[in-house]
Amino acid sequence: MRTYRSETVKKKVGCGELSVRVAFKGDETFHFALISLDNQDNQCGCCWLEVMANLFTALIRRLKDEEIPQILKNLKNQRCKYGIESCPNAIAKAFEEIILQIQEKV
């Protein structure tokens, strides 16, 4: 049985609360991301977040470490119609927090 270590960060977004969980293999390399949204009216498509998590996982696995900050910067430039924090922005900030937590442990 494989076990993975994971880090979870929750962020308030315009339409609810976004949870980003990142799992790491035993050697601390990125394995996958799970993204979920908890909101009452479900105006944002939860299937969109599942697709985003799958694409983000595939992308991060293929990128070099020095390319990841540029991807996060692009995500942080996205705006939400609710005027608070967009889901892509929250995902980028959550990943930055998780990366900082890992670097502090090393």
C-alpha atoms as a PDB file:
ATOM      1  CA  MET A   1       0.000   0.000   0.000  1.00  0.00           C
ATOM      2  CA  ARG A   2       1.302   3.417  -0.931  1.00  0.00           C
ATOM      3  CA  THR A   3       1.013   6.320   1.422  1.00  0.00           C
ATOM      4  CA  TYR A   4       1.284   9.931   0.415  1.00  0.00           C
ATOM      5  CA  ARG A   5       1.833  13.029   2.486  1.00  0.00           C
ATOM      6  CA  SER A   6      -0.510  15.865   1.682  1.00  0.00           C
ATOM      7  CA  GLU A   7      -0.934  19.537   2.448  1.00  0.00           C
ATOM      8  CA  THR A   8      -4.295  21.312   2.309  1.00  0.00           C
ATOM      9  CA  VAL A   9      -4.965  25.032   2.058  1.00  0.00           C
ATOM     10  CA  LYS A  10      -8.441  26.600   2.147  1.00  0.00           C
ATOM     11  CA  LYS A  11      -9.208  29.968   0.581  1.00  0.00           C
ATOM     12  CA  LYS A  12     -12.312  32.154   0.540  1.00  0.00           C
ATOM     13  CA  VAL A  13     -13.396  32.916  -3.016  1.00  0.00           C
ATOM     14  CA  GLY A  14     -16.273  34.915  -4.443  1.00  0.00           C
ATOM     15  CA  CYS A  15     -18.744  32.036  -4.434  1.00  0.00           C
ATOM     16  CA  GLY A  16     -17.641  29.926  -1.458  1.00  0.00           C
ATOM     17  CA  GLU A  17     -14.586  28.233  -0.002  1.00  0.00           C
ATOM     18  CA  LEU A  18     -11.973  26.558  -2.174  1.00  0.00           C
ATOM     19  CA  SER A  19      -9.851  23.676  -0.846  1.00  0.00           C
ATOM     20  CA  VAL A  20      -6.589  22.766  -2.544  1.00  0.00           C
ATOM     21  CA  ARG A  21      -4.952  19.509  -1.450  1.00  0.00           C
ATOM     22  CA  VAL A  22      -1.581  18.553  -2.865  1.00  0.00           C
ATOM     23  CA  ALA A  23      -0.198  15.052  -2.370  1.00  0.00           C
ATOM     24  CA  PHE A  24       3.479  14.181  -2.408  1.00  0.00           C
ATOM     25  CA  LYS A  25       5.274  10.893  -2.921  1.00  0.00           C
ATOM     26  CA  GLY A  26       7.618   9.527  -0.251  1.00  0.00           C
ATOM     27  CA  ASP A  27      10.548  11.400  -1.827  1.00  0.00           C
ATOM     28  CA  GLU A  28       8.579  14.668  -1.484  1.00  0.00           C
ATOM     29  CA  THR A  29       7.965  15.034  -5.216  1.00  0.00           C
ATOM     30  CA  PHE A  30       4.603  16.295  -6.409  1.00  0.00           C
ATOM     31  CA  HIS A  31       2.076  13.538  -7.101  1.00  0.00           C
ATOM     32  CA  PHE A  32      -1.371  15.101  -7.643  1.00  0.00           C
ATOM     33  CA  ALA A  33      -3.720  17.948  -6.733  1.00  0.00           C
ATOM     34  CA  LEU A  34      -7.349  17.845  -5.607  1.00  0.00           C
ATOM     35  CA  ILE A  35      -9.419  21.008  -5.796  1.00  0.00           C
ATOM     36  CA  SER A  36     -12.911  21.336  -4.372  1.00  0.00           C
ATOM     37  CA  LEU A  37     -15.363  24.178  -3.921  1.00  0.00           C
ATOM     38  CA  ASP A  38     -17.903  24.408  -1.126  1.00  0.00           C
ATOM     39  CA  ASN A  39     -20.684  26.818  -2.028  1.00  0.00           C
ATOM     40  CA  GLN A  40     -24.428  26.942  -1.455  1.00  0.00           C
ATOM     41  CA  ASP A  41     -25.773  27.879  -4.875  1.00  0.00           C
ATOM     42  CA  ASN A  42     -23.277  25.898  -7.001  1.00  0.00           C
ATOM     43  CA  GLN A  43     -23.060  28.682  -9.584  1.00  0.00           C
ATOM     44  CA  CYS A  44     -19.496  27.691 -10.366  1.00  0.00           C
ATOM     45  CA  GLY A  45     -19.286  24.304 -11.982  1.00  0.00           C
ATOM     46  CA  CYS A  46     -17.663  21.768  -9.692  1.00  0.00           C
ATOM     47  CA  CYS A  47     -16.844  19.757 -12.806  1.00  0.00           C
ATOM     48  CA  TRP A  48     -14.765  22.753 -13.947  1.00  0.00           C
ATOM     49  CA  LEU A  49     -12.691  22.447 -10.778  1.00  0.00           C
ATOM     50  CA  GLU A  50     -12.179  18.721 -11.327  1.00  0.00           C
ATOM     51  CA  VAL A  51     -10.956  19.375 -14.862  1.00  0.00           C
ATOM     52  CA  MET A  52      -8.743  22.190 -13.557  1.00  0.00           C
ATOM     53  CA  ALA A  53      -7.224  19.863 -10.937  1.00  0.00           C
ATOM     54  CA  ASN A  54      -6.511  17.180 -13.537  1.00  0.00           C
ATOM     55  CA  LEU A  55      -4.949  19.666 -15.950  1.00  0.00           C
ATOM     56  CA  PHE A  56      -2.964  21.326 -13.185  1.00  0.00           C
ATOM     57  CA  THR A  57      -1.672  17.950 -11.987  1.00  0.00           C
ATOM     58  CA  ALA A  58      -0.581  16.991 -15.511  1.00  0.00           C
ATOM     59  CA  LEU A  59       1.049  20.390 -16.039  1.00  0.00           C
ATOM     60  CA  ILE A  60       2.975  20.485 -12.747  1.00  0.00           C
ATOM     61  CA  ARG A  61       4.292  16.958 -13.312  1.00  0.00           C
ATOM     62  CA  ARG A  62       5.816  18.033 -16.629  1.00  0.00           C
ATOM     63  CA  LEU A  63       7.219  21.414 -15.654  1.00  0.00           C
ATOM     64  CA  LYS A  64      10.673  22.194 -14.415  1.00  0.00           C
ATOM     65  CA  ASP A  65      10.778  23.760 -10.950  1.00  0.00           C
ATOM     66  CA  GLU A  66      11.783  27.142 -12.342  1.00  0.00           C
ATOM     67  CA  GLU A  67       8.696  27.231 -14.635  1.00  0.00           C
ATOM     68  CA  ILE A  68       6.123  26.797 -11.862  1.00  0.00           C
ATOM     69  CA  PRO A  69       6.250  30.427 -10.573  1.00  0.00           C
ATOM     70  CA  GLN A  70       5.291  31.729 -14.050  1.00  0.00           C
ATOM     71  CA  ILE A  71       2.242  29.433 -14.185  1.00  0.00           C
ATOM     72  CA  LEU A  72       1.177  30.579 -10.717  1.00  0.00           C
ATOM     73  CA  LYS A  73       1.650  34.225 -11.741  1.00  0.00           C
ATOM     74  CA  ASN A  74      -0.644  33.699 -14.738  1.00  0.00           C
ATOM     75  CA  LEU A  75      -3.303  32.089 -12.551  1.00  0.00           C
ATOM     76  CA  LYS A  76      -3.164  34.999 -10.090  1.00  0.00           C
ATOM     77  CA  ASN A  77      -4.063  37.453 -12.865  1.00  0.00           C
ATOM     78  CA  GLN A  78      -7.536  35.927 -13.326  1.00  0.00           C
ATOM     79  CA  ARG A  79     -10.530  37.894 -12.050  1.00  0.00           C
ATOM     80  CA  CYS A  80     -13.893  36.727 -10.694  1.00  0.00           C
ATOM     81  CA  LYS A  81     -17.244  38.238 -11.549  1.00  0.00           C
ATOM     82  CA  TYR A  82     -18.002  38.410  -7.811  1.00  0.00           C
ATOM     83  CA  GLY A  83     -15.161  40.893  -7.340  1.00  0.00           C
ATOM     84  CA  ILE A  84     -13.548  39.049  -4.450  1.00  0.00           C
ATOM     85  CA  GLU A  85     -10.960  36.377  -5.197  1.00  0.00           C
ATOM     86  CA  SER A  86     -11.133  34.171  -8.260  1.00  0.00           C
ATOM     87  CA  CYS A  87     -10.748  30.393  -8.059  1.00  0.00           C
ATOM     88  CA  PRO A  88      -7.572  30.417 -10.226  1.00  0.00           C
ATOM     89  CA  ASN A  89      -6.119  33.163  -8.016  1.00  0.00           C
ATOM     90  CA  ALA A  90      -6.909  31.140  -4.873  1.00  0.00           C
ATOM     91  CA  ILE A  91      -5.391  27.983  -6.403  1.00  0.00           C
ATOM     92  CA  ALA A  92      -2.154  29.837  -7.181  1.00  0.00           C
ATOM     93  CA  LYS A  93      -1.950  31.315  -3.680  1.00  0.00           C
ATOM     94  CA  ALA A  94      -2.647  27.913  -2.105  1.00  0.00           C
ATOM     95  CA  PHE A  95       0.128  26.293  -4.154  1.00  0.00           C
ATOM     96  CA  GLU A  96       2.526  29.089  -3.159  1.00  0.00           C
ATOM     97  CA  GLU A  97       1.692  28.507   0.520  1.00  0.00           C
ATOM     98  CA  ILE A  98       2.228  24.758   0.154  1.00  0.00           C
ATOM     99  CA  ILE A  99       5.541  25.270  -1.657  1.00  0.00           C
ATOM    100  CA  LEU A 100       6.698  27.645   1.122  1.00  0.00           C
ATOM    101  CA  GLN A 101       5.704  25.096   3.798  1.00  0.00           C
ATOM    102  CA  ILE A 102       7.787  22.432   2.037  1.00  0.00           C
ATOM    103  CA  GLN A 103      10.793  24.743   1.665  1.00  0.00           C
ATOM    104  CA  GLU A 104      10.638  25.641   5.371  1.00  0.00           C
ATOM    105  CA  LYS A 105      10.711  21.939   6.325  1.00  0.00           C
ATOM    106  CA  VAL A 106      13.841  21.298   4.231  1.00  0.00           C
END
